[in-house]
PDB file of N, CA and C in Angstrom:
ATOM      1  N   MET A   1     196.000 -91.552  18.270  1.00  0.00           N
ATOM      2  CA  MET A   1     195.331 -92.826  18.453  1.00  0.00           C
ATOM      3  C   MET A   1     195.014 -93.003  19.939  1.00  0.00           C
ATOM      4  N   PRO A   2     193.764 -93.267  20.287  1.00  0.00           N
ATOM      5  CA  PRO A   2     193.407 -93.473  21.695  1.00  0.00           C
ATOM      6  C   PRO A   2     194.099 -94.697  22.272  1.00  0.00           C
ATOM      7  N   ARG A   3     194.247 -94.664  23.576  1.00  0.00           N
ATOM      8  CA  ARG A   3     194.948 -95.747  24.278  1.00  0.00           C
ATOM      9  C   ARG A   3     194.333 -97.109  23.989  1.00  0.00           C
ATOM     10  N   SER A   4     192.988 -97.179  23.950  1.00  0.00           N
ATOM     11  CA  SER A   4     192.324 -98.466  23.720  1.00  0.00           C
ATOM     12  C   SER A   4     192.633 -99.026  22.334  1.00  0.00           C
ATOM     13  N   GLU A   5     192.962 -98.166  21.377  1.00  0.00           N
ATOM     14  CA  GLU A   5     193.327 -98.631  20.044  1.00  0.00           C
ATOM     15  C   GLU A   5     194.804 -99.022  19.972  1.00  0.00           C
ATOM     16  N   ARG A   6     195.635 -98.403  20.796  1.00  0.00           N
ATOM     17  CA  ARG A   6     197.071 -98.730  20.821  1.00  0.00           C
ATOM     18  C   ARG A   6     197.327-100.035  21.557  1.00  0.00           C
ATOM     19  N   SER A   7     196.537-100.322  22.572  1.00  0.00           N
ATOM     20  CA  SER A   7     196.780-101.474  23.427  1.00  0.00           C
ATOM     21  C   SER A   7     196.915-102.786  22.651  1.00  0.00           C
ATOM     22  N   PRO A   8     195.996-103.100  21.727  1.00  0.00           N
ATOM     23  CA  PRO A   8     196.167-104.361  20.996  1.00  0.00           C
ATOM     24  C   PRO A   8     197.412-104.360  20.113  1.00  0.00           C
ATOM     25  N   LEU A   9     197.767-103.213  19.592  1.00  0.00           N
ATOM     26  CA  LEU A   9     198.950-103.135  18.739  1.00  0.00           C
ATOM     27  C   LEU A   9     200.225-103.288  19.564  1.00  0.00           C
ATOM     28  N   LEU A  10     200.233-102.743  20.761  1.00  0.00           N
ATOM     29  CA  LEU A  10     201.388-102.919  21.649  1.00  0.00           C
ATOM     30  C   LEU A  10     201.529-104.382  22.066  1.00  0.00           C
ATOM     31  N   LEU A  11     200.396-105.009  22.385  1.00  0.00           N
ATOM     32  CA  LEU A  11     200.425-106.426  22.741  1.00  0.00           C
ATOM     33  C   LEU A  11     200.897-107.254  21.546  1.00  0.00           C
ATOM     34  N   ALA A  12     200.435-106.911  20.353  1.00  0.00           N
ATOM     35  CA  ALA A  12     200.886-107.610  19.144  1.00  0.00           C
ATOM     36  C   ALA A  12     202.394-107.444  18.967  1.00  0.00           C
ATOM     37  N   GLY A  13     202.894-106.253  19.215  1.00  0.00           N
ATOM     38  CA  GLY A  13     204.339-106.013  19.107  1.00  0.00           C
ATOM     39  C   GLY A  13     205.134-106.842  20.097  1.00  0.00           C
ATOM     40  N   LEU A  14     204.633-106.926  21.315  1.00  0.00           N
ATOM     41  CA  LEU A  14     205.298-107.739  22.340  1.00  0.00           C
ATOM     42  C   LEU A  14     205.329-109.210  21.913  1.00  0.00           C
ATOM     43  N   LEU A  15     204.193-109.715  21.457  1.00  0.00           N
ATOM     44  CA  LEU A  15     204.127-111.110  21.024  1.00  0.00           C
ATOM     45  C   LEU A  15     204.996-111.367  19.799  1.00  0.00           C
ATOM     46  N   ALA A  16     205.002-110.439  18.848  1.00  0.00           N
ATOM     47  CA  ALA A  16     205.826-110.611  17.655  1.00  0.00           C
ATOM     48  C   ALA A  16     207.313-110.630  18.022  1.00  0.00           C
ATOM     49  N   THR A  17     207.700-109.743  18.919  1.00  0.00           N
ATOM     50  CA  THR A  17     209.096-109.696  19.360  1.00  0.00           C
ATOM     51  C   THR A  17     209.489-111.014  20.033  1.00  0.00           C
ATOM     52  N   ALA A  18     208.627-111.492  20.913  1.00  0.00           N
ATOM     53  CA  ALA A  18     208.894-112.765  21.593  1.00  0.00           C
ATOM     54  C   ALA A  18     208.922-113.911  20.589  1.00  0.00           C
ATOM     55  N   GLY A  19     207.997-113.898  19.628  1.00  0.00           N
ATOM     56  CA  GLY A  19     207.958-114.959  18.625  1.00  0.00           C
ATOM     57  C   GLY A  19     209.233-115.019  17.803  1.00  0.00           C
ATOM     58  N   VAL A  20     209.711-113.867  17.363  1.00  0.00           N
ATOM     59  CA  VAL A  20     210.959-113.816  16.594  1.00  0.00           C
ATOM     60  C   VAL A  20     212.124-114.305  17.453  1.00  0.00           C
ATOM     61  N   ALA A  21     212.132-113.916  18.727  1.00  0.00           N
ATOM     62  CA  ALA A  21     213.219-114.321  19.627  1.00  0.00           C
ATOM     63  C   ALA A  21     213.307-115.842  19.759  1.00  0.00           C
ATOM     64  N   HIS A  22     212.180-116.536  19.651  1.00  0.00           N
ATOM     65  CA  HIS A  22     212.192-118.002  19.727  1.00  0.00           C
ATOM     66  C   HIS A  22     212.992-118.620  18.582  1.00  0.00           C
ATOM     67  N   PHE A  23     213.074-117.921  17.460  1.00  0.00           N
ATOM     68  CA  PHE A  23     213.820-118.426  16.310  1.00  0.00           C
ATOM     69  C   PHE A  23     215.250-117.901  16.277  1.00  0.00           C
ATOM     70  N   VAL A  24     215.450-116.695  16.763  1.00  0.00           N
ATOM     71  CA  VAL A  24     216.773-116.078  16.750  1.00  0.00           C
ATOM     72  C   VAL A  24     217.668-116.673  17.842  1.00  0.00           C
ATOM     73  N   SER A  25     217.082-116.926  19.000  1.00  0.00           N
ATOM     74  CA  SER A  25     217.847-117.430  20.145  1.00  0.00           C
ATOM     75  C   SER A  25     217.087-118.561  20.831  1.00  0.00           C
ATOM     76  N   PRO A  26     216.906-119.689  20.141  1.00  0.00           N
ATOM     77  CA  PRO A  26     216.051-120.748  20.691  1.00  0.00           C
ATOM     78  C   PRO A  26     216.579-121.434  21.938  1.00  0.00           C
ATOM     79  N   ARG A  27     217.894-121.448  22.117  1.00  0.00           N
ATOM     80  CA  ARG A  27     218.465-122.190  23.247  1.00  0.00           C
ATOM     81  C   ARG A  27     217.914-121.707  24.587  1.00  0.00           C
ATOM     82  N   GLN A  28     217.780-120.393  24.751  1.00  0.00           N
ATOM     83  CA  GLN A  28     217.278-119.880  26.034  1.00  0.00           C
ATOM     84  C   GLN A  28     215.841-120.325  26.293  1.00  0.00           C
ATOM     85  N   PHE A  29     215.063-120.524  25.244  1.00  0.00           N
ATOM     86  CA  PHE A  29     213.683-120.979  25.409  1.00  0.00           C
ATOM     87  C   PHE A  29     213.630-122.488  25.622  1.00  0.00           C
ATOM     88  N   ASP A  30     214.526-123.223  24.976  1.00  0.00           N
ATOM     89  CA  ASP A  30     214.571-124.677  25.169  1.00  0.00           C
ATOM     90  C   ASP A  30     214.700-125.026  26.654  1.00  0.00           C
ATOM     91  N   ALA A  31     215.478-124.234  27.366  1.00  0.00           N
ATOM     92  CA  ALA A  31     215.727-124.503  28.792  1.00  0.00           C
ATOM     93  C   ALA A  31     214.479-124.333  29.647  1.00  0.00           C
ATOM     94  N   THR A  32     213.453-123.653  29.130  1.00  0.00           N
ATOM     95  CA  THR A  32     212.242-123.423  29.928  1.00  0.00           C
ATOM     96  C   THR A  32     211.150-124.448  29.652  1.00  0.00           C
ATOM     97  N   ILE A  33     211.364-125.320  28.679  1.00  0.00           N
ATOM     98  CA  ILE A  33     210.329-126.293  28.320  1.00  0.00           C
ATOM     99  C   ILE A  33     210.246-127.367  29.413  1.00  0.00           C
ATOM    100  N   PRO A  34     209.053-127.550  29.990  1.00  0.00           N
ATOM    101  CA  PRO A  34     208.913-128.583  31.028  1.00  0.00           C
ATOM    102  C   PRO A  34     209.316-129.963  30.504  1.00  0.00           C
ATOM    103  N   ARG A  35     210.070-130.674  31.293  1.00  0.00           N
ATOM    104  CA  ARG A  35     210.556-131.997  30.895  1.00  0.00           C
ATOM    105  C   ARG A  35     209.416-133.001  30.676  1.00  0.00           C
ATOM    106  N   ALA A  36     208.275-132.741  31.280  1.00  0.00           N
ATOM    107  CA  ALA A  36     207.146-133.661  31.158  1.00  0.00           C
ATOM    108  C   ALA A  36     206.530-133.652  29.751  1.00  0.00           C
ATOM    109  N   LEU A  37     206.816-132.618  28.967  1.00  0.00           N
ATOM    110  CA  LEU A  37     206.249-132.567  27.620  1.00  0.00           C
ATOM    111  C   LEU A  37     206.971-133.545  26.702  1.00  0.00           C
ATOM    112  N   PRO A  38     206.225-134.241  25.849  1.00  0.00           N
ATOM    113  CA  PRO A  38     206.874-135.206  24.947  1.00  0.00           C
ATOM    114  C   PRO A  38     207.626-134.487  23.827  1.00  0.00           C
ATOM    115  N   GLY A  39     208.617-135.153  23.284  1.00  0.00           N
ATOM    116  CA  GLY A  39     209.348-134.615  22.152  1.00  0.00           C
ATOM    117  C   GLY A  39     210.502-133.719  22.563  1.00  0.00           C
ATOM    118  N   ALA A  40     211.137-133.175  21.548  1.00  0.00           N
ATOM    119  CA  ALA A  40     212.311-132.335  21.761  1.00  0.00           C
ATOM    120  C   ALA A  40     211.912-130.931  22.200  1.00  0.00           C
ATOM    121  N   PRO A  41     212.633-130.358  23.152  1.00  0.00           N
ATOM    122  CA  PRO A  41     212.338-128.990  23.580  1.00  0.00           C
ATOM    123  C   PRO A  41     212.356-127.983  22.425  1.00  0.00           C
ATOM    124  N   ARG A  42     213.262-128.188  21.459  1.00  0.00           N
ATOM    125  CA  ARG A  42     213.361-127.243  20.339  1.00  0.00           C
ATOM    126  C   ARG A  42     212.052-127.196  19.545  1.00  0.00           C
ATOM    127  N   THR A  43     211.396-128.329  19.408  1.00  0.00           N
ATOM    128  CA  THR A  43     210.110-128.368  18.708  1.00  0.00           C
ATOM    129  C   THR A  43     209.093-127.492  19.427  1.00  0.00           C
ATOM    130  N   TRP A  44     209.050-127.577  20.745  1.00  0.00           N
ATOM    131  CA  TRP A  44     208.126-126.754  21.536  1.00  0.00           C
ATOM    132  C   TRP A  44     208.511-125.281  21.466  1.00  0.00           C
ATOM    133  N   THR A  45     209.817-125.014  21.436  1.00  0.00           N
ATOM    134  CA  THR A  45     210.286-123.629  21.318  1.00  0.00           C
ATOM    135  C   THR A  45     209.796-123.024  20.009  1.00  0.00           C
ATOM    136  N   TYR A  46     209.994-123.739  18.926  1.00  0.00           N
ATOM    137  CA  TYR A  46     209.555-123.224  17.628  1.00  0.00           C
ATOM    138  C   TYR A  46     208.032-123.127  17.551  1.00  0.00           C
ATOM    139  N   ALA A  47     207.341-124.122  18.084  1.00  0.00           N
ATOM    140  CA  ALA A  47     205.870-124.094  18.060  1.00  0.00           C
ATOM    141  C   ALA A  47     205.332-122.890  18.839  1.00  0.00           C
ATOM    142  N   SER A  48     205.926-122.601  19.987  1.00  0.00           N
ATOM    143  CA  SER A  48     205.444-121.451  20.751  1.00  0.00           C
ATOM    144  C   SER A  48     205.799-120.142  20.045  1.00  0.00           C
ATOM    145  N   GLY A  49     206.932-120.117  19.337  1.00  0.00           N
ATOM    146  CA  GLY A  49     207.276-118.933  18.544  1.00  0.00           C
ATOM    147  C   GLY A  49     206.270-118.706  17.430  1.00  0.00           C
ATOM    148  N   VAL A  50     205.879-119.779  16.747  1.00  0.00           N
ATOM    149  CA  VAL A  50     204.868-119.680  15.694  1.00  0.00           C
ATOM    150  C   VAL A  50     203.546-119.208  16.290  1.00  0.00           C
ATOM    151  N   ALA A  51     203.183-119.755  17.445  1.00  0.00           N
ATOM    152  CA  ALA A  51     201.936-119.345  18.099  1.00  0.00           C
ATOM    153  C   ALA A  51     201.956-117.852  18.434  1.00  0.00           C
ATOM    154  N   GLU A  52     203.075-117.375  18.964  1.00  0.00           N
ATOM    155  CA  GLU A  52     203.169-115.956  19.300  1.00  0.00           C
ATOM    156  C   GLU A  52     203.075-115.077  18.059  1.00  0.00           C
ATOM    157  N   LEU A  53     203.694-115.486  16.980  1.00  0.00           N
ATOM    158  CA  LEU A  53     203.601-114.719  15.738  1.00  0.00           C
ATOM    159  C   LEU A  53     202.178-114.727  15.184  1.00  0.00           C
ATOM    160  N   ALA A  54     201.511-115.863  15.266  1.00  0.00           N
ATOM    161  CA  ALA A  54     200.121-115.949  14.801  1.00  0.00           C
ATOM    162  C   ALA A  54     199.203-115.087  15.668  1.00  0.00           C
ATOM    163  N   LEU A  55     199.405-115.119  16.974  1.00  0.00           N
ATOM    164  CA  LEU A  55     198.601-114.284  17.862  1.00  0.00           C
ATOM    165  C   LEU A  55     198.824-112.808  17.555  1.00  0.00           C
ATOM    166  N   ALA A  56     200.073-112.427  17.332  1.00  0.00           N
ATOM    167  CA  ALA A  56     200.389-111.038  16.998  1.00  0.00           C
ATOM    168  C   ALA A  56     199.657-110.618  15.732  1.00  0.00           C
ATOM    169  N   ALA A  57     199.702-111.463  14.726  1.00  0.00           N
ATOM    170  CA  ALA A  57     199.017-111.148  13.468  1.00  0.00           C
ATOM    171  C   ALA A  57     197.511-111.003  13.686  1.00  0.00           C
ATOM    172  N   GLY A  58     196.943-111.883  14.488  1.00  0.00           N
ATOM    173  CA  GLY A  58     195.513-111.816  14.771  1.00  0.00           C
ATOM    174  C   GLY A  58     195.107-110.565  15.528  1.00  0.00           C
ATOM    175  N   LEU A  59     195.968-110.098  16.401  1.00  0.00           N
ATOM    176  CA  LEU A  59     195.666-108.896  17.182  1.00  0.00           C
ATOM    177  C   LEU A  59     195.695-107.622  16.339  1.00  0.00           C
ATOM    178  N   VAL A  60     196.454-107.625  15.271  1.00  0.00           N
ATOM    179  CA  VAL A  60     196.589-106.433  14.435  1.00  0.00           C
ATOM    180  C   VAL A  60     195.283-106.122  13.701  1.00  0.00           C
ATOM    181  N   SER A  61     194.609-107.137  13.245  1.00  0.00           N
ATOM    182  CA  SER A  61     193.382-106.940  12.478  1.00  0.00           C
ATOM    183  C   SER A  61     192.161-106.835  13.385  1.00  0.00           C
ATOM    184  N   PRO A  62     191.385-105.760  13.249  1.00  0.00           N
ATOM    185  CA  PRO A  62     190.163-105.643  14.060  1.00  0.00           C
ATOM    186  C   PRO A  62     189.203-106.819  13.851  1.00  0.00           C
ATOM    187  N   ARG A  63     189.210-107.425  12.671  1.00  0.00           N
ATOM    188  CA  ARG A  63     188.291-108.534  12.389  1.00  0.00           C
ATOM    189  C   ARG A  63     188.613-109.784  13.200  1.00  0.00           C
ATOM    190  N   THR A  64     189.881-109.983  13.531  1.00  0.00           N
ATOM    191  CA  THR A  64     190.294-111.190  14.254  1.00  0.00           C
ATOM    192  C   THR A  64     190.767-110.889  15.676  1.00  0.00           C
ATOM    193  N   ARG A  65     190.700-109.642  16.061  1.00  0.00           N
ATOM    194  CA  ARG A  65     191.289-109.214  17.336  1.00  0.00           C
ATOM    195  C   ARG A  65     190.675-109.917  18.544  1.00  0.00           C
ATOM    196  N   ARG A  66     189.366-109.995  18.589  1.00  0.00           N
ATOM    197  CA  ARG A  66     188.730-110.597  19.767  1.00  0.00           C
ATOM    198  C   ARG A  66     189.147-112.050  19.943  1.00  0.00           C
ATOM    199  N   ALA A  67     189.091-112.816  18.867  1.00  0.00           N
ATOM    200  CA  ALA A  67     189.485-114.234  18.945  1.00  0.00           C
ATOM    201  C   ALA A  67     190.968-114.360  19.289  1.00  0.00           C
ATOM    202  N   ALA A  68     191.791-113.532  18.679  1.00  0.00           N
ATOM    203  CA  ALA A  68     193.233-113.592  18.947  1.00  0.00           C
ATOM    204  C   ALA A  68     193.532-113.199  20.388  1.00  0.00           C
ATOM    205  N   ALA A  69     192.836-112.218  20.905  1.00  0.00           N
ATOM    206  CA  ALA A  69     193.057-111.798  22.294  1.00  0.00           C
ATOM    207  C   ALA A  69     192.630-112.894  23.264  1.00  0.00           C
ATOM    208  N   ARG A  70     191.537-113.553  22.957  1.00  0.00           N
ATOM    209  CA  ARG A  70     191.121-114.683  23.799  1.00  0.00           C
ATOM    210  C   ARG A  70     192.165-115.802  23.742  1.00  0.00           C
ATOM    211  N   ALA A  71     192.652-116.072  22.557  1.00  0.00           N
ATOM    212  CA  ALA A  71     193.687-117.105  22.411  1.00  0.00           C
ATOM    213  C   ALA A  71     194.971-116.686  23.127  1.00  0.00           C
ATOM    214  N   ALA A  72     195.314-115.405  23.074  1.00  0.00           N
ATOM    215  CA  ALA A  72     196.510-114.912  23.766  1.00  0.00           C
ATOM    216  C   ALA A  72     196.351-115.074  25.277  1.00  0.00           C
ATOM    217  N   THR A  73     195.145-114.827  25.773  1.00  0.00           N
ATOM    218  CA  THR A  73     194.882-115.014  27.199  1.00  0.00           C
ATOM    219  C   THR A  73     195.174-116.465  27.588  1.00  0.00           C
ATOM    220  N   ALA A  74     194.644-117.393  26.809  1.00  0.00           N
ATOM    221  CA  ALA A  74     194.870-118.817  27.082  1.00  0.00           C
ATOM    222  C   ALA A  74     196.351-119.175  26.924  1.00  0.00           C
ATOM    223  N   PHE A  75     197.003-118.594  25.925  1.00  0.00           N
ATOM    224  CA  PHE A  75     198.424-118.858  25.705  1.00  0.00           C
ATOM    225  C   PHE A  75     199.248-118.413  26.911  1.00  0.00           C
ATOM    226  N   PHE A  76     198.978-117.213  27.419  1.00  0.00           N
ATOM    227  CA  PHE A  76     199.739-116.704  28.565  1.00  0.00           C
ATOM    228  C   PHE A  76     199.527-117.582  29.795  1.00  0.00           C
ATOM    229  N   VAL A  77     198.322-118.097  29.965  1.00  0.00           N
ATOM    230  CA  VAL A  77     198.072-119.032  31.066  1.00  0.00           C
ATOM    231  C   VAL A  77     198.826-120.340  30.805  1.00  0.00           C
ATOM    232  N   GLY A  78     198.805-120.790  29.560  1.00  0.00           N
ATOM    233  CA  GLY A  78     199.420-122.055  29.202  1.00  0.00           C
ATOM    234  C   GLY A  78     200.938-122.086  29.313  1.00  0.00           C
ATOM    235  N   VAL A  79     201.604-120.950  29.118  1.00  0.00           N
ATOM    236  CA  VAL A  79     203.066-120.950  29.208  1.00  0.00           C
ATOM    237  C   VAL A  79     203.559-120.750  30.640  1.00  0.00           C
ATOM    238  N   PHE A  80     202.648-120.517  31.553  1.00  0.00           N
ATOM    239  CA  PHE A  80     203.048-120.329  32.945  1.00  0.00           C
ATOM    240  C   PHE A  80     203.852-121.518  33.479  1.00  0.00           C
ATOM    241  N   PRO A  81     203.471-122.767  33.169  1.00  0.00           N
ATOM    242  CA  PRO A  81     204.291-123.893  33.657  1.00  0.00           C
ATOM    243  C   PRO A  81     205.751-123.811  33.193  1.00  0.00           C
ATOM    244  N   ALA A  82     205.997-123.281  32.007  1.00  0.00           N
ATOM    245  CA  ALA A  82     207.387-123.124  31.551  1.00  0.00           C
ATOM    246  C   ALA A  82     208.119-122.123  32.435  1.00  0.00           C
ATOM    247  N   ASN A  83     207.430-121.078  32.853  1.00  0.00           N
ATOM    248  CA  ASN A  83     208.055-120.099  33.742  1.00  0.00           C
ATOM    249  C   ASN A  83     208.344-120.708  35.116  1.00  0.00           C
ATOM    250  N   VAL A  84     207.430-121.552  35.590  1.00  0.00           N
ATOM    251  CA  VAL A  84     207.653-122.244  36.863  1.00  0.00           C
ATOM    252  C   VAL A  84     208.858-123.186  36.723  1.00  0.00           C
ATOM    253  N   GLN A  85     208.918-123.919  35.605  1.00  0.00           N
ATOM    254  CA  GLN A  85     210.038-124.833  35.373  1.00  0.00           C
ATOM    255  C   GLN A  85     211.354-124.070  35.363  1.00  0.00           C
ATOM    256  N   MET A  86     211.356-122.921  34.726  1.00  0.00           N
ATOM    257  CA  MET A  86     212.566-122.106  34.672  1.00  0.00           C
ATOM    258  C   MET A  86     212.993-121.684  36.083  1.00  0.00           C
ATOM    259  N   ALA A  87     212.038-121.258  36.897  1.00  0.00           N
ATOM    260  CA  ALA A  87     212.359-120.844  38.269  1.00  0.00           C
ATOM    261  C   ALA A  87     212.933-122.005  39.074  1.00  0.00           C
ATOM    262  N   VAL A  88     212.368-123.188  38.880  1.00  0.00           N
ATOM    263  CA  VAL A  88     212.878-124.370  39.585  1.00  0.00           C
ATOM    264  C   VAL A  88     214.284-124.730  39.096  1.00  0.00           C
ATOM    265  N   ASP A  89     214.447-124.769  37.792  1.00  0.00           N
ATOM    266  CA  ASP A  89     215.743-125.152  37.220  1.00  0.00           C
ATOM    267  C   ASP A  89     216.842-124.144  37.531  1.00  0.00           C
ATOM    268  N   TRP A  90     216.481-122.904  37.688  1.00  0.00           N
ATOM    269  CA  TRP A  90     217.473-121.850  37.891  1.00  0.00           C
ATOM    270  C   TRP A  90     217.687-121.506  39.362  1.00  0.00           C
ATOM    271  N   ARG A  91     217.179-122.298  40.266  1.00  0.00           N
ATOM    272  CA  ARG A  91     217.293-121.973  41.693  1.00  0.00           C
ATOM    273  C   ARG A  91     218.733-121.973  42.195  1.00  0.00           C
ATOM    274  N   ASP A  92     219.633-122.677  41.503  1.00  0.00           N
ATOM    275  CA  ASP A  92     221.036-122.723  41.921  1.00  0.00           C
ATOM    276  C   ASP A  92     221.940-121.817  41.078  1.00  0.00           C
ATOM    277  N   ARG A  93     221.350-121.031  40.206  1.00  0.00           N
ATOM    278  CA  ARG A  93     222.140-120.111  39.374  1.00  0.00           C
ATOM    279  C   ARG A  93     222.496-118.862  40.175  1.00  0.00           C
ATOM    280  N   PRO A  94     223.374-118.026  39.630  1.00  0.00           N
ATOM    281  CA  PRO A  94     223.715-116.772  40.321  1.00  0.00           C
ATOM    282  C   PRO A  94     222.462-115.921  40.585  1.00  0.00           C
ATOM    283  N   ALA A  95     222.544-115.101  41.610  1.00  0.00           N
ATOM    284  CA  ALA A  95     221.386-114.324  42.074  1.00  0.00           C
ATOM    285  C   ALA A  95     220.673-113.543  40.970  1.00  0.00           C
ATOM    286  N   PRO A  96     221.368-112.862  40.058  1.00  0.00           N
ATOM    287  CA  PRO A  96     220.624-112.108  39.034  1.00  0.00           C
ATOM    288  C   PRO A  96     219.760-113.003  38.137  1.00  0.00           C
ATOM    289  N   GLN A  97     220.268-114.173  37.758  1.00  0.00           N
ATOM    290  CA  GLN A  97     219.484-115.094  36.931  1.00  0.00           C
ATOM    291  C   GLN A  97     218.321-115.688  37.719  1.00  0.00           C
ATOM    292  N   ARG A  98     218.609-116.053  38.953  1.00  0.00           N
ATOM    293  CA  ARG A  98     217.566-116.618  39.817  1.00  0.00           C
ATOM    294  C   ARG A  98     216.442-115.594  40.015  1.00  0.00           C
ATOM    295  N   THR A  99     216.819-114.345  40.252  1.00  0.00           N
ATOM    296  CA  THR A  99     215.835-113.272  40.446  1.00  0.00           C
ATOM    297  C   THR A  99     215.013-113.060  39.180  1.00  0.00           C
ATOM    298  N   ALA A 100     215.665-113.079  38.026  1.00  0.00           N
ATOM    299  CA  ALA A 100     214.945-112.899  36.756  1.00  0.00           C
ATOM    300  C   ALA A 100     213.928-114.019  36.545  1.00  0.00           C
ATOM    301  N   ALA A 101     214.328-115.256  36.851  1.00  0.00           N
ATOM    302  CA  ALA A 101     213.411-116.387  36.686  1.00  0.00           C
ATOM    303  C   ALA A 101     212.217-116.268  37.625  1.00  0.00           C
ATOM    304  N   LEU A 102     212.453-115.858  38.852  1.00  0.00           N
ATOM    305  CA  LEU A 102     211.351-115.687  39.810  1.00  0.00           C
ATOM    306  C   LEU A 102     210.468-114.509  39.451  1.00  0.00           C
ATOM    307  N   ALA A 103     211.053-113.450  38.916  1.00  0.00           N
ATOM    308  CA  ALA A 103     210.287-112.256  38.546  1.00  0.00           C
ATOM    309  C   ALA A 103     209.319-112.536  37.402  1.00  0.00           C
ATOM    310  N   ARG A 104     209.626-113.499  36.572  1.00  0.00           N
ATOM    311  CA  ARG A 104     208.738-113.841  35.453  1.00  0.00           C
ATOM    312  C   ARG A 104     207.390-114.368  35.938  1.00  0.00           C
ATOM    313  N   LEU A 105     207.375-115.000  37.097  1.00  0.00           N
ATOM    314  CA  LEU A 105     206.139-115.630  37.565  1.00  0.00           C
ATOM    315  C   LEU A 105     205.001-114.623  37.763  1.00  0.00           C
ATOM    316  N   PRO A 106     205.185-113.573  38.568  1.00  0.00           N
ATOM    317  CA  PRO A 106     204.076-112.622  38.730  1.00  0.00           C
ATOM    318  C   PRO A 106     203.842-111.754  37.491  1.00  0.00           C
ATOM    319  N   LEU A 107     204.825-111.640  36.616  1.00  0.00           N
ATOM    320  CA  LEU A 107     204.644-110.830  35.410  1.00  0.00           C
ATOM    321  C   LEU A 107     203.655-111.461  34.435  1.00  0.00           C
ATOM    322  N   GLN A 108     203.389-112.740  34.589  1.00  0.00           N
ATOM    323  CA  GLN A 108     202.416-113.399  33.711  1.00  0.00           C
ATOM    324  C   GLN A 108     201.004-112.879  33.966  1.00  0.00           C
ATOM    325  N   VAL A 109     200.720-112.470  35.187  1.00  0.00           N
ATOM    326  CA  VAL A 109     199.377-111.986  35.533  1.00  0.00           C
ATOM    327  C   VAL A 109     198.994-110.749  34.722  1.00  0.00           C
ATOM    328  N   PRO A 110     199.836-109.696  34.655  1.00  0.00           N
ATOM    329  CA  PRO A 110     199.435-108.546  33.840  1.00  0.00           C
ATOM    330  C   PRO A 110     199.273-108.881  32.359  1.00  0.00           C
ATOM    331  N   LEU A 111     200.046-109.854  31.855  1.00  0.00           N
ATOM    332  CA  LEU A 111     199.880-110.242  30.458  1.00  0.00           C
ATOM    333  C   LEU A 111     198.514-110.891  30.226  1.00  0.00           C
ATOM    334  N   VAL A 112     198.103-111.748  31.145  1.00  0.00           N
ATOM    335  CA  VAL A 112     196.790-112.386  31.045  1.00  0.00           C
ATOM    336  C   VAL A 112     195.696-111.318  31.100  1.00  0.00           C
ATOM    337  N   LEU A 113     195.815-110.396  32.054  1.00  0.00           N
ATOM    338  CA  LEU A 113     194.805-109.349  32.201  1.00  0.00           C
ATOM    339  C   LEU A 113     194.782-108.409  30.999  1.00  0.00           C
ATOM    340  N   TRP A 114     195.947-108.116  30.436  1.00  0.00           N
ATOM    341  CA  TRP A 114     196.036-107.252  29.265  1.00  0.00           C
ATOM    342  C   TRP A 114     195.312-107.898  28.074  1.00  0.00           C
ATOM    343  N   ALA A 115     195.620-109.155  27.816  1.00  0.00           N
ATOM    344  CA  ALA A 115     194.983-109.848  26.698  1.00  0.00           C
ATOM    345  C   ALA A 115     193.478-109.960  26.919  1.00  0.00           C
ATOM    346  N   ARG A 116     193.077-110.221  28.138  1.00  0.00           N
ATOM    347  CA  ARG A 116     191.642-110.305  28.443  1.00  0.00           C
ATOM    348  C   ARG A 116     190.958-108.962  28.213  1.00  0.00           C
ATOM    349  N   GLY A 117     191.639-107.878  28.603  1.00  0.00           N
ATOM    350  CA  GLY A 117     191.092-106.544  28.378  1.00  0.00           C
ATOM    351  C   GLY A 117     190.960-106.215  26.901  1.00  0.00           C
ATOM    352  N   VAL A 118     191.937-106.613  26.105  1.00  0.00           N
ATOM    353  CA  VAL A 118     191.862-106.399  24.654  1.00  0.00           C
ATOM    354  C   VAL A 118     190.662-107.162  24.088  1.00  0.00           C
ATOM    355  N   ALA A 119     190.444-108.386  24.549  1.00  0.00           N
ATOM    356  CA  ALA A 119     189.292-109.179  24.087  1.00  0.00           C
ATOM    357  C   ALA A 119     187.982-108.485  24.455  1.00  0.00           C
ATOM    358  N   ARG A 120     187.901-107.972  25.652  1.00  0.00           N
ATOM    359  CA  ARG A 120     186.681-107.282  26.081  1.00  0.00           C
ATOM    360  C   ARG A 120     186.420-106.032  25.259  1.00  0.00           C
ATOM    361  N   ASN A 121     187.471-105.270  24.995  1.00  0.00           N
ATOM    362  CA  ASN A 121     187.320-104.031  24.226  1.00  0.00           C
ATOM    363  C   ASN A 121     187.001-104.310  22.764  1.00  0.00           C
ATOM    364  N   ALA A 122     187.282-105.510  22.312  1.00  0.00           N
ATOM    365  CA  ALA A 122     187.004-105.884  20.921  1.00  0.00           C
ATOM    366  C   ALA A 122     185.670-106.600  20.791  1.00  0.00           C
ATOM    367  N   GLN A 123     184.854-106.581  21.818  1.00  0.00           N
ATOM    368  CA  GLN A 123     183.574-107.330  21.816  1.00  0.00           C
ATOM    369  C   GLN A 123     182.706-107.010  20.616  1.00  0.00           C
ATOM    370  N   GLY A 124     182.660-105.750  20.223  1.00  0.00           N
ATOM    371  CA  GLY A 124     181.813-105.388  19.101  1.00  0.00           C
ATOM    372  C   GLY A 124     182.411-105.725  17.757  1.00  0.00           C
ATOM    373  N   GLN A 125     183.629-106.234  17.760  1.00  0.00           N
ATOM    374  CA  GLN A 125     184.329-106.560  16.514  1.00  0.00           C
ATOM    375  C   GLN A 125     184.337-108.057  16.290  1.00  0.00           C
ATOM    376  N   SER A 126     184.770-108.470  15.161  1.00  0.00           N
ATOM    377  CA  SER A 126     184.929-109.862  14.706  1.00  0.00           C
ATOM    378  C   SER A 126     183.663-110.628  14.556  1.00  0.00           C
TER     379      SER A 126
END
């Protein structure tokens, strides 16, 4: 399978894994929900898990891949505030946790670019 065909499936796998993790271990995700959002953090945790699972499913099918990749791009941009909140909230934690929270910030950029690239490569589809 050529790399361009594997890329959307790898991204789908990453999103599916993250989506399942939101249900298996929700507490760690609850802590990243910005306080400014209305409602309970757990609701946002589950909603983002559902979104990740839906995006993963959309990326698997060539018919929905372009739309799903575009939505994934927006999703990765949209969850960035949660990563910023985590970095702020974890500034007084032990160094390994603090470093992990800060490392998440620049890692969002390759995810956005990856999803955008999948959308571009799927232009002739959907």
